[in-house]
Amino acid sequence: MEPGNDTRISEFLLLGISQDPELQPLILGLFLSMYLITVFGNLLIILAVISDPHLHTPMYFFLSNLSFVDICFTSTTIPKMLWNIQTQSKVITYEGCITQIYFFLLFAALENFLLAVMAYDRFVAIRRPLHYTVLMNPRLCGLLVLVSWMMSVLNSLLQNLMVLWLSFCIELEIPHFFCEINQVVRLACSDTFLNDMVMNLAAGMLGGASLSGILYSYSKIVSSICGISSAQGKYKAFSTCASHLSVVSLFYSTVLGVYLSSAGTHSSQSSATASVMYTVVTPMLNPFIYSLRNKDIKRALKRIIGVPVI
């Protein structure tokens, strides 16, 4: 297979969640609201962590990175979708589509890795509480985030370069609200065996490794909590990882739900609708999960916005 785009493709058409004209204002308002909540909510978490010295710990360092990734993850897809609805256009340029694929894969993988790193952080905090500050030192925390970035960039770059090698046919309609890599690869006229193999390997190795690390960490955390004699001690230990466990459950359950939905119905439109859960809803809910269940975050937020935070 020779590199390049034989048909000189200049643009794709994003069909969106629904093509019903009457639903477009509702979709615009709904997604604009969710996007603004996501951005401002995660920005508040970042500001709270930066401004409060009590939050300068490994757990909140990783949380602020996760909030930053959530903002970027959502900003990769939603602004373009809102623009297309507002201008009544479905067009995205070839370059814009490739760029969107790159950053979507980058931040999706990065979120996946950060959730695993945060699980390891909770594992150390509960299993080795006396050595926690020594083991989770700033150098190690920075290194874990750096490695997460490097692996995410390499994965995204590899898959993006392989898309660039594809040749496309006349059919250029993407039944999604963003350039989802699986949908784009399906439009190719050239052989996509290598693309499919790399996508499946990346999902299996990167996603599987992160999820396995999370499950292992929490299996050890649960065994440690069960070994605590007092009920108050068990509650205190569990409360330190309850928010993270909620976020992990929400993220992986929605991703799994999208996969099962698309595999079961074979409907690209239903897959696009289901994708809203992990691309928009999960990043939007993360700040609420951490602020509602965390007294330290609540206290920092009160100082920032000057009003009580429930």
C-alpha atoms as a PDB file:
ATOM      1  CA  MET A   1       0.000   0.000   0.000  1.00  0.00           C
ATOM      2  CA  GLU A   2       1.465   3.319  -1.049  1.00  0.00           C
ATOM      3  CA  PRO A   3       1.196   6.338   1.219  1.00  0.00           C
ATOM      4  CA  GLY A   4      -1.046   9.240   0.451  1.00  0.00           C
ATOM      5  CA  ASN A   5      -4.598  10.028  -0.423  1.00  0.00           C
ATOM      6  CA  ASP A   6      -5.266   8.971  -4.017  1.00  0.00           C
ATOM      7  CA  THR A   7      -8.578  10.802  -4.312  1.00  0.00           C
ATOM      8  CA  ARG A   8      -7.308  14.135  -2.929  1.00  0.00           C
ATOM      9  CA  ILE A   9      -9.897  14.241  -0.144  1.00  0.00           C
ATOM     10  CA  SER A  10     -10.356  17.764   1.198  1.00  0.00           C
ATOM     11  CA  GLU A  11     -13.225  17.303   3.651  1.00  0.00           C
ATOM     12  CA  PHE A  12     -15.594  14.938   5.460  1.00  0.00           C
ATOM     13  CA  LEU A  13     -19.201  15.369   6.527  1.00  0.00           C
ATOM     14  CA  LEU A  14     -20.086  14.873  10.195  1.00  0.00           C
ATOM     15  CA  LEU A  15     -23.695  13.699  10.375  1.00  0.00           C
ATOM     16  CA  GLY A  16     -23.922  14.352  14.122  1.00  0.00           C
ATOM     17  CA  ILE A  17     -26.200  12.765  16.681  1.00  0.00           C
ATOM     18  CA  SER A  18     -29.428  13.579  14.872  1.00  0.00           C
ATOM     19  CA  GLN A  19     -30.264  14.984  11.447  1.00  0.00           C
ATOM     20  CA  ASP A  20     -33.703  16.203  12.518  1.00  0.00           C
ATOM     21  CA  PRO A  21     -33.704  20.019  12.012  1.00  0.00           C
ATOM     22  CA  GLU A  22     -36.181  20.531  14.849  1.00  0.00           C
ATOM     23  CA  LEU A  23     -33.815  18.907  17.351  1.00  0.00           C
ATOM     24  CA  GLN A  24     -30.778  21.005  16.445  1.00  0.00           C
ATOM     25  CA  PRO A  25     -31.551  23.973  18.789  1.00  0.00           C
ATOM     26  CA  LEU A  26     -32.155  21.546  21.663  1.00  0.00           C
ATOM     27  CA  ILE A  27     -28.910  19.674  20.966  1.00  0.00           C
ATOM     28  CA  LEU A  28     -27.024  22.986  20.674  1.00  0.00           C
ATOM     29  CA  GLY A  29     -28.315  24.257  24.013  1.00  0.00           C
ATOM     30  CA  LEU A  30     -27.798  20.949  25.798  1.00  0.00           C
ATOM     31  CA  PHE A  31     -24.231  20.394  24.624  1.00  0.00           C
ATOM     32  CA  LEU A  32     -23.244  24.032  25.112  1.00  0.00           C
ATOM     33  CA  SER A  33     -24.462  23.828  28.709  1.00  0.00           C
ATOM     34  CA  MET A  34     -22.629  20.551  29.359  1.00  0.00           C
ATOM     35  CA  TYR A  35     -19.446  21.892  27.777  1.00  0.00           C
ATOM     36  CA  LEU A  36     -19.456  25.072  29.874  1.00  0.00           C
ATOM     37  CA  ILE A  37     -20.125  23.080  33.060  1.00  0.00           C
ATOM     38  CA  THR A  38     -17.256  20.732  32.175  1.00  0.00           C
ATOM     39  CA  VAL A  39     -14.775  23.537  31.534  1.00  0.00           C
ATOM     40  CA  PHE A  40     -15.673  25.687  34.539  1.00  0.00           C
ATOM     41  CA  GLY A  41     -16.038  22.730  36.897  1.00  0.00           C
ATOM     42  CA  ASN A  42     -12.638  21.290  36.030  1.00  0.00           C
ATOM     43  CA  LEU A  43     -11.026  24.731  36.050  1.00  0.00           C
ATOM     44  CA  LEU A  44     -12.286  25.231  39.598  1.00  0.00           C
ATOM     45  CA  ILE A  45     -10.693  21.943  40.634  1.00  0.00           C
ATOM     46  CA  ILE A  46      -7.364  23.031  39.104  1.00  0.00           C
ATOM     47  CA  LEU A  47      -7.538  26.457  40.777  1.00  0.00           C
ATOM     48  CA  ALA A  48      -8.452  24.882  44.109  1.00  0.00           C
ATOM     49  CA  VAL A  49      -5.444  22.557  43.983  1.00  0.00           C
ATOM     50  CA  ILE A  50      -3.054  25.331  42.941  1.00  0.00           C
ATOM     51  CA  SER A  51      -4.277  27.924  45.459  1.00  0.00           C
ATOM     52  CA  ASP A  52      -4.544  25.733  48.578  1.00  0.00           C
ATOM     53  CA  PRO A  53      -1.196  24.588  50.064  1.00  0.00           C
ATOM     54  CA  HIS A  54      -3.022  21.771  51.884  1.00  0.00           C
ATOM     55  CA  LEU A  55      -3.826  20.258  48.492  1.00  0.00           C
ATOM     56  CA  HIS A  56      -0.200  20.140  47.335  1.00  0.00           C
ATOM     57  CA  THR A  57      -0.105  16.356  47.691  1.00  0.00           C
ATOM     58  CA  PRO A  58       0.302  13.552  45.136  1.00  0.00           C
ATOM     59  CA  MET A  59      -3.420  12.725  45.097  1.00  0.00           C
ATOM     60  CA  TYR A  60      -4.459  16.272  44.221  1.00  0.00           C
ATOM     61  CA  PHE A  61      -1.550  16.709  41.822  1.00  0.00           C
ATOM     62  CA  PHE A  62      -2.909  13.791  39.807  1.00  0.00           C
ATOM     63  CA  LEU A  63      -6.454  15.119  40.189  1.00  0.00           C
ATOM     64  CA  SER A  64      -5.504  18.509  38.736  1.00  0.00           C
ATOM     65  CA  ASN A  65      -3.860  16.737  35.798  1.00  0.00           C
ATOM     66  CA  LEU A  66      -7.012  14.683  35.280  1.00  0.00           C
ATOM     67  CA  SER A  67      -9.122  17.859  35.304  1.00  0.00           C
ATOM     68  CA  PHE A  68      -6.846  19.441  32.703  1.00  0.00           C
ATOM     69  CA  VAL A  69      -7.129  16.338  30.515  1.00  0.00           C
ATOM     70  CA  ASP A  70     -10.931  16.352  30.882  1.00  0.00           C
ATOM     71  CA  ILE A  71     -11.083  19.941  29.625  1.00  0.00           C
ATOM     72  CA  CYS A  72      -8.869  19.113  26.647  1.00  0.00           C
ATOM     73  CA  PHE A  73     -10.685  15.837  25.955  1.00  0.00           C
ATOM     74  CA  THR A  74     -14.065  17.568  25.706  1.00  0.00           C
ATOM     75  CA  SER A  75     -12.659  20.570  23.836  1.00  0.00           C
ATOM     76  CA  THR A  76     -11.360  18.268  21.107  1.00  0.00           C
ATOM     77  CA  THR A  77     -14.865  17.417  19.890  1.00  0.00           C
ATOM     78  CA  ILE A  78     -17.640  19.602  21.302  1.00  0.00           C
ATOM     79  CA  PRO A  79     -16.673  23.101  20.012  1.00  0.00           C
ATOM     80  CA  LYS A  80     -16.564  21.829  16.411  1.00  0.00           C
ATOM     81  CA  MET A  81     -19.914  20.098  16.887  1.00  0.00           C
ATOM     82  CA  LEU A  82     -21.475  23.293  18.280  1.00  0.00           C
ATOM     83  CA  TRP A  83     -20.006  25.343  15.429  1.00  0.00           C
ATOM     84  CA  ASN A  84     -21.450  22.987  12.815  1.00  0.00           C
ATOM     85  CA  ILE A  85     -24.902  23.127  14.393  1.00  0.00           C
ATOM     86  CA  GLN A  86     -24.792  26.918  14.681  1.00  0.00           C
ATOM     87  CA  THR A  87     -23.652  27.402  11.065  1.00  0.00           C
ATOM     88  CA  GLN A  88     -25.877  24.554   9.787  1.00  0.00           C
ATOM     89  CA  SER A  89     -22.826  22.928   8.250  1.00  0.00           C
ATOM     90  CA  LYS A  90     -21.613  19.339   8.505  1.00  0.00           C
ATOM     91  CA  VAL A  91     -18.186  19.926   6.972  1.00  0.00           C
ATOM     92  CA  ILE A  92     -14.867  19.211   8.632  1.00  0.00           C
ATOM     93  CA  THR A  93     -11.688  19.527   6.586  1.00  0.00           C
ATOM     94  CA  TYR A  94      -9.423  16.535   6.040  1.00  0.00           C
ATOM     95  CA  GLU A  95      -6.680  18.232   8.057  1.00  0.00           C
ATOM     96  CA  GLY A  96      -9.169  19.127  10.795  1.00  0.00           C
ATOM     97  CA  CYS A  97     -10.400  15.552  10.952  1.00  0.00           C
ATOM     98  CA  ILE A  98      -6.879  14.135  11.232  1.00  0.00           C
ATOM     99  CA  THR A  99      -6.046  16.681  13.940  1.00  0.00           C
ATOM    100  CA  GLN A 100      -9.210  15.801  15.846  1.00  0.00           C
ATOM    101  CA  ILE A 101      -8.381  12.088  15.703  1.00  0.00           C
ATOM    102  CA  TYR A 102      -4.885  12.773  17.029  1.00  0.00           C
ATOM    103  CA  PHE A 103      -5.952  14.826  20.039  1.00  0.00           C
ATOM    104  CA  PHE A 104      -8.965  12.644  20.819  1.00  0.00           C
ATOM    105  CA  LEU A 105      -6.771   9.523  20.988  1.00  0.00           C
ATOM    106  CA  LEU A 106      -4.128  11.434  22.948  1.00  0.00           C
ATOM    107  CA  PHE A 107      -6.429  12.641  25.716  1.00  0.00           C
ATOM    108  CA  ALA A 108      -8.499   9.441  25.828  1.00  0.00           C
ATOM    109  CA  ALA A 109      -5.323   7.410  26.435  1.00  0.00           C
ATOM    110  CA  LEU A 110      -4.012   9.984  28.889  1.00  0.00           C
ATOM    111  CA  GLU A 111      -7.205   9.829  30.952  1.00  0.00           C
ATOM    112  CA  ASN A 112      -6.903   6.068  30.959  1.00  0.00           C
ATOM    113  CA  PHE A 113      -3.302   6.187  32.230  1.00  0.00           C
ATOM    114  CA  LEU A 114      -4.001   8.868  34.840  1.00  0.00           C
ATOM    115  CA  LEU A 115      -6.818   6.810  36.341  1.00  0.00           C
ATOM    116  CA  ALA A 116      -4.368   3.908  36.687  1.00  0.00           C
ATOM    117  CA  VAL A 117      -1.724   6.182  38.252  1.00  0.00           C
ATOM    118  CA  MET A 118      -4.293   7.532  40.712  1.00  0.00           C
ATOM    119  CA  ALA A 119      -5.250   3.969  41.655  1.00  0.00           C
ATOM    120  CA  TYR A 120      -1.569   3.242  42.377  1.00  0.00           C
ATOM    121  CA  ASP A 121      -1.400   6.389  44.495  1.00  0.00           C
ATOM    122  CA  ARG A 122      -4.358   5.198  46.598  1.00  0.00           C
ATOM    123  CA  PHE A 123      -2.768   1.746  46.800  1.00  0.00           C
ATOM    124  CA  VAL A 124       0.418   3.177  48.306  1.00  0.00           C
ATOM    125  CA  ALA A 125      -1.506   5.523  50.625  1.00  0.00           C
ATOM    126  CA  ILE A 126      -3.531   2.681  52.157  1.00  0.00           C
ATOM    127  CA  ARG A 127      -1.021  -0.177  52.012  1.00  0.00           C
ATOM    128  CA  ARG A 128       2.061   1.840  53.054  1.00  0.00           C
ATOM    129  CA  PRO A 129       0.715   4.920  54.895  1.00  0.00           C
ATOM    130  CA  LEU A 130       3.895   5.499  56.940  1.00  0.00           C
ATOM    131  CA  HIS A 131       6.074   5.515  53.835  1.00  0.00           C
ATOM    132  CA  TYR A 132       3.591   7.295  51.559  1.00  0.00           C
ATOM    133  CA  THR A 133       5.312  10.691  51.393  1.00  0.00           C
ATOM    134  CA  VAL A 134       8.679   9.039  50.753  1.00  0.00           C
ATOM    135  CA  LEU A 135       7.446   6.628  48.097  1.00  0.00           C
ATOM    136  CA  MET A 136       5.177   9.107  46.308  1.00  0.00           C
ATOM    137  CA  ASN A 137       7.750  11.882  46.156  1.00  0.00           C
ATOM    138  CA  PRO A 138       7.429  14.797  43.685  1.00  0.00           C
ATOM    139  CA  ARG A 139      10.020  13.262  41.356  1.00  0.00           C
ATOM    140  CA  LEU A 140       8.096   9.986  41.037  1.00  0.00           C
ATOM    141  CA  CYS A 141       4.770  11.801  40.604  1.00  0.00           C
ATOM    142  CA  GLY A 142       6.202  13.941  37.823  1.00  0.00           C
ATOM    143  CA  LEU A 143       7.769  10.895  36.193  1.00  0.00           C
ATOM    144  CA  LEU A 144       4.470   8.960  36.245  1.00  0.00           C
ATOM    145  CA  VAL A 145       2.660  11.847  34.538  1.00  0.00           C
ATOM    146  CA  LEU A 146       5.491  12.302  32.025  1.00  0.00           C
ATOM    147  CA  VAL A 147       5.483   8.605  31.086  1.00  0.00           C
ATOM    148  CA  SER A 148       1.690   8.749  30.714  1.00  0.00           C
ATOM    149  CA  TRP A 149       2.057  11.675  28.311  1.00  0.00           C
ATOM    150  CA  MET A 150       4.804   9.972  26.320  1.00  0.00           C
ATOM    151  CA  MET A 151       2.888   6.704  25.890  1.00  0.00           C
ATOM    152  CA  SER A 152      -0.282   8.582  24.935  1.00  0.00           C
ATOM    153  CA  VAL A 153       1.560  10.715  22.363  1.00  0.00           C
ATOM    154  CA  LEU A 154       3.255   7.697  20.791  1.00  0.00           C
ATOM    155  CA  ASN A 155       0.010   5.745  20.576  1.00  0.00           C
ATOM    156  CA  SER A 156      -1.873   8.669  19.068  1.00  0.00           C
ATOM    157  CA  LEU A 157       0.937   9.478  16.629  1.00  0.00           C
ATOM    158  CA  LEU A 158       1.195   5.872  15.406  1.00  0.00           C
ATOM    159  CA  GLN A 159      -2.530   5.497  14.774  1.00  0.00           C
ATOM    160  CA  ASN A 160      -2.736   8.929  13.162  1.00  0.00           C
ATOM    161  CA  LEU A 161       0.110   8.193  10.760  1.00  0.00           C
ATOM    162  CA  MET A 162      -1.590   4.959   9.726  1.00  0.00           C
ATOM    163  CA  VAL A 163      -4.788   6.867   8.914  1.00  0.00           C
ATOM    164  CA  LEU A 164      -2.744   9.216   6.715  1.00  0.00           C
ATOM    165  CA  TRP A 165      -1.706   6.214   4.588  1.00  0.00           C
ATOM    166  CA  LEU A 166      -5.305   5.353   3.727  1.00  0.00           C
ATOM    167  CA  SER A 167      -7.030   6.206   0.453  1.00  0.00           C
ATOM    168  CA  PHE A 168     -10.677   7.219   0.611  1.00  0.00           C
ATOM    169  CA  CYS A 169     -13.658   6.641  -1.647  1.00  0.00           C
ATOM    170  CA  ILE A 170     -16.439   8.989  -2.696  1.00  0.00           C
ATOM    171  CA  GLU A 171     -18.520   8.168   0.395  1.00  0.00           C
ATOM    172  CA  LEU A 172     -17.280  10.695   2.955  1.00  0.00           C
ATOM    173  CA  GLU A 173     -20.126  10.848   5.477  1.00  0.00           C
ATOM    174  CA  ILE A 174     -19.130  10.074   9.060  1.00  0.00           C
ATOM    175  CA  PRO A 175     -22.175   8.979  11.120  1.00  0.00           C
ATOM    176  CA  HIS A 176     -20.828  10.600  14.265  1.00  0.00           C
ATOM    177  CA  PHE A 177     -20.489  14.030  15.863  1.00  0.00           C
ATOM    178  CA  PHE A 178     -16.681  13.915  15.627  1.00  0.00           C
ATOM    179  CA  CYS A 179     -13.993  12.134  13.623  1.00  0.00           C
ATOM    180  CA  GLU A 180     -14.028   8.847  15.495  1.00  0.00           C
ATOM    181  CA  ILE A 181     -11.133   6.784  14.157  1.00  0.00           C
ATOM    182  CA  ASN A 182     -13.137   3.587  13.605  1.00  0.00           C
ATOM    183  CA  GLN A 183     -15.714   5.451  11.528  1.00  0.00           C
ATOM    184  CA  VAL A 184     -13.031   7.195   9.467  1.00  0.00           C
ATOM    185  CA  VAL A 185     -11.160   3.951   8.760  1.00  0.00           C
ATOM    186  CA  ARG A 186     -14.417   2.348   7.545  1.00  0.00           C
ATOM    187  CA  LEU A 187     -14.622   4.966   4.781  1.00  0.00           C
ATOM    188  CA  ALA A 188     -11.274   3.932   3.303  1.00  0.00           C
ATOM    189  CA  CYS A 189     -11.038   2.190  -0.072  1.00  0.00           C
ATOM    190  CA  SER A 190      -7.602   0.751   0.673  1.00  0.00           C
ATOM    191  CA  ASP A 191      -6.855  -2.234   2.870  1.00  0.00           C
ATOM    192  CA  THR A 192      -7.447  -1.429   6.552  1.00  0.00           C
ATOM    193  CA  PHE A 193      -6.171  -4.682   8.062  1.00  0.00           C
ATOM    194  CA  LEU A 194      -3.124  -3.047   9.666  1.00  0.00           C
ATOM    195  CA  ASN A 195      -5.215  -0.161  10.987  1.00  0.00           C
ATOM    196  CA  ASP A 196      -7.735  -2.539  12.555  1.00  0.00           C
ATOM    197  CA  MET A 197      -4.951  -4.646  14.048  1.00  0.00           C
ATOM    198  CA  VAL A 198      -3.161  -1.638  15.567  1.00  0.00           C
ATOM    199  CA  MET A 199      -6.407  -0.185  16.947  1.00  0.00           C
ATOM    200  CA  ASN A 200      -7.361  -3.479  18.575  1.00  0.00           C
ATOM    201  CA  LEU A 201      -3.854  -4.031  19.948  1.00  0.00           C
ATOM    202  CA  ALA A 202      -3.708  -0.504  21.343  1.00  0.00           C
ATOM    203  CA  ALA A 203      -7.113  -0.857  22.994  1.00  0.00           C
ATOM    204  CA  GLY A 204      -6.199  -4.257  24.396  1.00  0.00           C
ATOM    205  CA  MET A 205      -2.691  -3.433  25.584  1.00  0.00           C
ATOM    206  CA  LEU A 206      -3.084   0.150  26.810  1.00  0.00           C
ATOM    207  CA  GLY A 207      -6.649  -0.082  28.065  1.00  0.00           C
ATOM    208  CA  GLY A 208      -6.241  -3.617  29.349  1.00  0.00           C
ATOM    209  CA  ALA A 209      -2.981  -2.864  31.143  1.00  0.00           C
ATOM    210  CA  SER A 210      -4.425   0.231  32.842  1.00  0.00           C
ATOM    211  CA  LEU A 211      -7.625  -1.539  33.877  1.00  0.00           C
ATOM    212  CA  SER A 212      -5.647  -4.538  35.153  1.00  0.00           C
ATOM    213  CA  GLY A 213      -3.470  -2.200  37.228  1.00  0.00           C
ATOM    214  CA  ILE A 214      -6.550  -0.510  38.659  1.00  0.00           C
ATOM    215  CA  LEU A 215      -8.220  -3.827  39.518  1.00  0.00           C
ATOM    216  CA  TYR A 216      -5.028  -5.140  41.129  1.00  0.00           C
ATOM    217  CA  SER A 217      -4.585  -1.961  43.190  1.00  0.00           C
ATOM    218  CA  TYR A 218      -8.158  -2.052  44.437  1.00  0.00           C
ATOM    219  CA  SER A 219      -8.014  -5.761  45.233  1.00  0.00           C
ATOM    220  CA  LYS A 220      -5.079  -5.012  47.546  1.00  0.00           C
ATOM    221  CA  ILE A 221      -6.834  -1.926  48.920  1.00  0.00           C
ATOM    222  CA  VAL A 222      -9.947  -3.959  49.754  1.00  0.00           C
ATOM    223  CA  SER A 223      -7.873  -6.641  51.482  1.00  0.00           C
ATOM    224  CA  SER A 224      -6.123  -3.954  53.539  1.00  0.00           C
ATOM    225  CA  ILE A 225      -9.400  -2.301  54.504  1.00  0.00           C
ATOM    226  CA  CYS A 226     -10.860  -5.666  55.539  1.00  0.00           C
ATOM    227  CA  GLY A 227      -7.868  -6.115  57.843  1.00  0.00           C
ATOM    228  CA  ILE A 228      -8.654  -2.926  59.773  1.00  0.00           C
ATOM    229  CA  SER A 229     -10.379  -3.776  63.047  1.00  0.00           C
ATOM    230  CA  SER A 230     -12.403  -0.605  63.758  1.00  0.00           C
ATOM    231  CA  ALA A 231     -15.392   0.451  61.668  1.00  0.00           C
ATOM    232  CA  GLN A 232     -14.226   4.068  61.815  1.00  0.00           C
ATOM    233  CA  GLY A 233     -10.830   3.072  60.453  1.00  0.00           C
ATOM    234  CA  LYS A 234     -12.429   1.166  57.588  1.00  0.00           C
ATOM    235  CA  TYR A 235     -14.644   4.118  56.723  1.00  0.00           C
ATOM    236  CA  LYS A 236     -11.723   6.560  56.794  1.00  0.00           C
ATOM    237  CA  ALA A 237      -9.610   4.308  54.572  1.00  0.00           C
ATOM    238  CA  PHE A 238     -12.417   3.740  52.092  1.00  0.00           C
ATOM    239  CA  SER A 239     -13.349   7.430  51.952  1.00  0.00           C
ATOM    240  CA  THR A 240      -9.876   8.311  50.656  1.00  0.00           C
ATOM    241  CA  CYS A 241     -10.454   6.326  47.455  1.00  0.00           C
ATOM    242  CA  ALA A 242     -14.262   6.469  47.090  1.00  0.00           C
ATOM    243  CA  SER A 243     -14.208   9.432  44.679  1.00  0.00           C
ATOM    244  CA  HIS A 244     -11.577   7.874  42.449  1.00  0.00           C
ATOM    245  CA  LEU A 245     -13.420   4.561  42.455  1.00  0.00           C
ATOM    246  CA  SER A 246     -16.595   6.359  41.365  1.00  0.00           C
ATOM    247  CA  VAL A 247     -14.783   8.094  38.497  1.00  0.00           C
ATOM    248  CA  VAL A 248     -13.137   4.835  37.387  1.00  0.00           C
ATOM    249  CA  SER A 249     -16.474   3.003  37.450  1.00  0.00           C
ATOM    250  CA  LEU A 250     -18.167   5.784  35.482  1.00  0.00           C
ATOM    251  CA  PHE A 251     -15.436   6.006  32.837  1.00  0.00           C
ATOM    252  CA  TYR A 252     -14.954   2.311  32.149  1.00  0.00           C
ATOM    253  CA  SER A 253     -18.646   1.424  32.378  1.00  0.00           C
ATOM    254  CA  THR A 254     -19.538   4.077  29.787  1.00  0.00           C
ATOM    255  CA  VAL A 255     -16.687   3.041  27.463  1.00  0.00           C
ATOM    256  CA  LEU A 256     -17.753  -0.601  27.790  1.00  0.00           C
ATOM    257  CA  GLY A 257     -21.366   0.437  27.238  1.00  0.00           C
ATOM    258  CA  VAL A 258     -20.441   2.200  23.992  1.00  0.00           C
ATOM    259  CA  TYR A 259     -18.527  -0.849  22.786  1.00  0.00           C
ATOM    260  CA  LEU A 260     -21.375  -3.246  23.577  1.00  0.00           C
ATOM    261  CA  SER A 261     -23.954  -0.871  22.088  1.00  0.00           C
ATOM    262  CA  SER A 262     -22.110  -0.513  18.786  1.00  0.00           C
ATOM    263  CA  ALA A 263     -21.313  -4.234  18.628  1.00  0.00           C
ATOM    264  CA  GLY A 264     -24.854  -5.286  19.457  1.00  0.00           C
ATOM    265  CA  THR A 265     -26.867  -2.935  17.241  1.00  0.00           C
ATOM    266  CA  HIS A 266     -24.338  -2.358  14.414  1.00  0.00           C
ATOM    267  CA  SER A 267     -25.823   1.140  14.243  1.00  0.00           C
ATOM    268  CA  SER A 268     -23.328   3.966  13.899  1.00  0.00           C
ATOM    269  CA  GLN A 269     -25.957   6.477  14.989  1.00  0.00           C
ATOM    270  CA  SER A 270     -26.639   4.653  18.256  1.00  0.00           C
ATOM    271  CA  SER A 271     -22.879   4.386  18.795  1.00  0.00           C
ATOM    272  CA  ALA A 272     -22.544   8.149  18.357  1.00  0.00           C
ATOM    273  CA  THR A 273     -25.308   8.761  20.889  1.00  0.00           C
ATOM    274  CA  ALA A 274     -23.747   6.333  23.361  1.00  0.00           C
ATOM    275  CA  SER A 275     -20.331   7.995  22.905  1.00  0.00           C
ATOM    276  CA  VAL A 276     -21.744  11.142  24.499  1.00  0.00           C
ATOM    277  CA  MET A 277     -21.523   9.343  27.857  1.00  0.00           C
ATOM    278  CA  TYR A 278     -17.732   9.080  28.020  1.00  0.00           C
ATOM    279  CA  THR A 279     -16.819  12.059  25.825  1.00  0.00           C
ATOM    280  CA  VAL A 280     -19.070  14.622  27.514  1.00  0.00           C
ATOM    281  CA  VAL A 281     -20.984  13.312  30.527  1.00  0.00           C
ATOM    282  CA  THR A 282     -18.064  11.672  32.360  1.00  0.00           C
ATOM    283  CA  PRO A 283     -15.726  14.731  32.179  1.00  0.00           C
ATOM    284  CA  MET A 284     -18.653  16.906  33.276  1.00  0.00           C
ATOM    285  CA  LEU A 285     -19.454  14.758  36.327  1.00  0.00           C
ATOM    286  CA  ASN A 286     -15.871  14.285  37.543  1.00  0.00           C
ATOM    287  CA  PRO A 287     -15.620  17.687  39.321  1.00  0.00           C
ATOM    288  CA  PHE A 288     -18.945  17.065  41.063  1.00  0.00           C
ATOM    289  CA  ILE A 289     -17.846  13.621  42.236  1.00  0.00           C
ATOM    290  CA  TYR A 290     -14.613  14.954  43.713  1.00  0.00           C
ATOM    291  CA  SER A 291     -16.078  18.126  45.215  1.00  0.00           C
ATOM    292  CA  LEU A 292     -19.173  16.507  46.745  1.00  0.00           C
ATOM    293  CA  ARG A 293     -17.217  13.685  48.377  1.00  0.00           C
ATOM    294  CA  ASN A 294     -14.118  15.578  49.442  1.00  0.00           C
ATOM    295  CA  LYS A 295     -13.990  18.014  52.361  1.00  0.00           C
ATOM    296  CA  ASP A 296     -10.577  19.408  51.368  1.00  0.00           C
ATOM    297  CA  ILE A 297     -11.796  20.308  47.876  1.00  0.00           C
ATOM    298  CA  LYS A 298     -14.970  21.819  49.323  1.00  0.00           C
ATOM    299  CA  ARG A 299     -12.965  24.015  51.667  1.00  0.00           C
ATOM    300  CA  ALA A 300     -10.665  25.189  48.868  1.00  0.00           C
ATOM    301  CA  LEU A 301     -13.616  25.918  46.574  1.00  0.00           C
ATOM    302  CA  LYS A 302     -15.306  27.988  49.276  1.00  0.00           C
ATOM    303  CA  ARG A 303     -12.244  30.182  49.503  1.00  0.00           C
ATOM    304  CA  ILE A 304     -12.153  30.616  45.723  1.00  0.00           C
ATOM    305  CA  ILE A 305     -15.789  31.386  44.926  1.00  0.00           C
ATOM    306  CA  GLY A 306     -16.773  32.826  48.329  1.00  0.00           C
ATOM    307  CA  VAL A 307     -20.033  30.874  48.659  1.00  0.00           C
ATOM    308  CA  PRO A 308     -20.884  27.609  50.403  1.00  0.00           C
ATOM    309  CA  VAL A 309     -20.350  24.523  48.252  1.00  0.00           C
ATOM    310  CA  ILE A 310     -22.713  21.655  48.917  1.00  0.00           C
END
